[in-house]
Amino acid sequence: MLTLTSGAVQVIRTVTANPELPPDTGIRIESGTDGSDALRLSVAPAPEAGDQVVEEEGAKVYLEPAVAVMLDDKKLDAQVDPQGDVAFTIAEGTEI
């Protein structure tokens, strides 16, 4: 199962902390639309049917079924640059 680094947990919790968002709001990762290996990441109010749910310390990540298989042994990390832009990265489970 995908695991989250402490950096990813912190960023996801910050992104989904708006009190106007539904309580189950998380980050959803799904396949790209063009058939490439690219992944799309978005803020989602809840998981979609069939999604695998990864939750760590209140940070929720929803994985489309095919993506869940692809990321099964990976780690999700996130960094915020000095301009406030967020970059998510996926690495092998032992690299981060």
C-alpha atoms as a PDB file:
ATOM      1  CA  MET A   1       0.000   0.000   0.000  1.00  0.00           C
ATOM      2  CA  LEU A   2       1.179   3.543  -0.745  1.00  0.00           C
ATOM      3  CA  THR A   3       2.729   5.206   2.276  1.00  0.00           C
ATOM      4  CA  LEU A   4       2.968   8.917   3.054  1.00  0.00           C
ATOM      5  CA  THR A   5       6.018  10.772   4.307  1.00  0.00           C
ATOM      6  CA  SER A   6       5.626  13.309   7.096  1.00  0.00           C
ATOM      7  CA  GLY A   7       6.058  16.050   4.469  1.00  0.00           C
ATOM      8  CA  ALA A   8       3.175  14.666   2.422  1.00  0.00           C
ATOM      9  CA  VAL A   9       0.967  14.367   5.510  1.00  0.00           C
ATOM     10  CA  GLN A  10       1.668  17.984   6.454  1.00  0.00           C
ATOM     11  CA  VAL A  11       0.989  19.355   2.955  1.00  0.00           C
ATOM     12  CA  ILE A  12      -2.204  17.314   2.451  1.00  0.00           C
ATOM     13  CA  ARG A  13      -3.558  18.373   5.830  1.00  0.00           C
ATOM     14  CA  THR A  14      -2.821  22.013   4.996  1.00  0.00           C
ATOM     15  CA  VAL A  15      -4.467  21.764   1.557  1.00  0.00           C
ATOM     16  CA  THR A  16      -7.608  20.098   2.943  1.00  0.00           C
ATOM     17  CA  ALA A  17      -7.910  22.094   6.194  1.00  0.00           C
ATOM     18  CA  ASN A  18     -10.381  24.689   4.898  1.00  0.00           C
ATOM     19  CA  PRO A  19     -13.449  24.466   7.184  1.00  0.00           C
ATOM     20  CA  GLU A  20     -15.705  25.043   4.152  1.00  0.00           C
ATOM     21  CA  LEU A  21     -14.582  21.722   2.643  1.00  0.00           C
ATOM     22  CA  PRO A  22     -16.410  18.466   3.475  1.00  0.00           C
ATOM     23  CA  PRO A  23     -14.828  16.506   6.357  1.00  0.00           C
ATOM     24  CA  ASP A  24     -13.742  13.631   4.054  1.00  0.00           C
ATOM     25  CA  THR A  25     -11.844  15.917   1.670  1.00  0.00           C
ATOM     26  CA  GLY A  26      -8.540  14.453   0.537  1.00  0.00           C
ATOM     27  CA  ILE A  27      -6.158  14.253  -2.380  1.00  0.00           C
ATOM     28  CA  ARG A  28      -7.166  11.921  -5.231  1.00  0.00           C
ATOM     29  CA  ILE A  29      -4.603  10.390  -7.555  1.00  0.00           C
ATOM     30  CA  GLU A  30      -5.841   9.014 -10.860  1.00  0.00           C
ATOM     31  CA  SER A  31      -4.531   8.007 -14.260  1.00  0.00           C
ATOM     32  CA  GLY A  32      -3.815  10.674 -16.812  1.00  0.00           C
ATOM     33  CA  THR A  33      -6.352  11.114 -19.593  1.00  0.00           C
ATOM     34  CA  ASP A  34      -4.009  10.566 -22.526  1.00  0.00           C
ATOM     35  CA  GLY A  35      -3.031   6.980 -21.713  1.00  0.00           C
ATOM     36  CA  SER A  36       0.478   7.975 -20.648  1.00  0.00           C
ATOM     37  CA  ASP A  37       2.106   7.081 -17.341  1.00  0.00           C
ATOM     38  CA  ALA A  38       1.339  10.579 -16.068  1.00  0.00           C
ATOM     39  CA  LEU A  39      -0.831  10.808 -12.970  1.00  0.00           C
ATOM     40  CA  ARG A  40      -3.353  13.487 -12.112  1.00  0.00           C
ATOM     41  CA  LEU A  41      -3.691  14.798  -8.592  1.00  0.00           C
ATOM     42  CA  SER A  42      -6.688  16.786  -7.395  1.00  0.00           C
ATOM     43  CA  VAL A  43      -8.531  17.770  -4.240  1.00  0.00           C
ATOM     44  CA  ALA A  44     -11.586  15.504  -3.843  1.00  0.00           C
ATOM     45  CA  PRO A  45     -14.511  15.834  -1.410  1.00  0.00           C
ATOM     46  CA  ALA A  46     -14.625  12.050  -0.860  1.00  0.00           C
ATOM     47  CA  PRO A  47     -13.336   8.827  -2.423  1.00  0.00           C
ATOM     48  CA  GLU A  48     -15.021   7.541  -5.569  1.00  0.00           C
ATOM     49  CA  ALA A  49     -16.443   4.020  -5.751  1.00  0.00           C
ATOM     50  CA  GLY A  50     -13.587   1.503  -5.817  1.00  0.00           C
ATOM     51  CA  ASP A  51     -10.900   3.929  -4.636  1.00  0.00           C
ATOM     52  CA  GLN A  52      -8.289   2.679  -2.199  1.00  0.00           C
ATOM     53  CA  VAL A  53      -8.120   5.007   0.800  1.00  0.00           C
ATOM     54  CA  VAL A  54      -4.793   5.783   2.447  1.00  0.00           C
ATOM     55  CA  GLU A  55      -5.097   7.803   5.644  1.00  0.00           C
ATOM     56  CA  GLU A  56      -2.280   8.861   7.887  1.00  0.00           C
ATOM     57  CA  GLU A  57      -2.548  11.355  10.755  1.00  0.00           C
ATOM     58  CA  GLY A  58      -5.695  12.891   9.237  1.00  0.00           C
ATOM     59  CA  ALA A  59      -4.269  13.204   5.714  1.00  0.00           C
ATOM     60  CA  LYS A  60      -6.448  11.324   3.214  1.00  0.00           C
ATOM     61  CA  VAL A  61      -5.333  10.095  -0.199  1.00  0.00           C
ATOM     62  CA  TYR A  62      -7.781   8.418  -2.580  1.00  0.00           C
ATOM     63  CA  LEU A  63      -6.278   6.169  -5.227  1.00  0.00           C
ATOM     64  CA  GLU A  64      -8.061   5.120  -8.396  1.00  0.00           C
ATOM     65  CA  PRO A  65      -7.944   1.269  -8.485  1.00  0.00           C
ATOM     66  CA  ALA A  66      -5.386   1.017 -11.324  1.00  0.00           C
ATOM     67  CA  VAL A  67      -3.216   3.668  -9.682  1.00  0.00           C
ATOM     68  CA  ALA A  68      -3.406   1.854  -6.315  1.00  0.00           C
ATOM     69  CA  VAL A  69      -1.844  -1.218  -7.954  1.00  0.00           C
ATOM     70  CA  MET A  70       0.862   0.865  -9.641  1.00  0.00           C
ATOM     71  CA  LEU A  71       1.764   2.692  -6.394  1.00  0.00           C
ATOM     72  CA  ASP A  72       1.420  -0.292  -4.060  1.00  0.00           C
ATOM     73  CA  ASP A  73       5.048  -0.281  -2.877  1.00  0.00           C
ATOM     74  CA  LYS A  74       5.747   3.457  -3.260  1.00  0.00           C
ATOM     75  CA  LYS A  75       5.964   6.503  -0.992  1.00  0.00           C
ATOM     76  CA  LEU A  76       4.316   9.867  -1.600  1.00  0.00           C
ATOM     77  CA  ASP A  77       6.303  12.922  -0.545  1.00  0.00           C
ATOM     78  CA  ALA A  78       5.590  16.630  -0.861  1.00  0.00           C
ATOM     79  CA  GLN A  79       7.731  19.735  -0.719  1.00  0.00           C
ATOM     80  CA  VAL A  80       6.777  23.411  -0.642  1.00  0.00           C
ATOM     81  CA  ASP A  81       9.191  25.769  -2.374  1.00  0.00           C
ATOM     82  CA  PRO A  82       9.944  29.333  -1.166  1.00  0.00           C
ATOM     83  CA  GLN A  83       7.223  30.700  -3.484  1.00  0.00           C
ATOM     84  CA  GLY A  84       4.628  28.450  -1.814  1.00  0.00           C
ATOM     85  CA  ASP A  85       4.259  26.042  -4.745  1.00  0.00           C
ATOM     86  CA  VAL A  86       3.701  22.400  -3.800  1.00  0.00           C
ATOM     87  CA  ALA A  87       5.464  19.541  -5.571  1.00  0.00           C
ATOM     88  CA  PHE A  88       4.407  15.954  -4.939  1.00  0.00           C
ATOM     89  CA  THR A  89       6.854  13.169  -5.738  1.00  0.00           C
ATOM     90  CA  ILE A  90       6.538   9.406  -5.778  1.00  0.00           C
ATOM     91  CA  ALA A  91       9.537   7.254  -4.931  1.00  0.00           C
ATOM     92  CA  GLU A  92      10.345   3.630  -4.232  1.00  0.00           C
ATOM     93  CA  GLY A  93       9.303   2.696  -0.703  1.00  0.00           C
ATOM     94  CA  THR A  94      12.878   2.661   0.627  1.00  0.00           C
ATOM     95  CA  GLU A  95      14.160   5.871  -0.952  1.00  0.00           C
ATOM     96  CA  ILE A  96      12.581   8.598   1.173  1.00  0.00           C
END
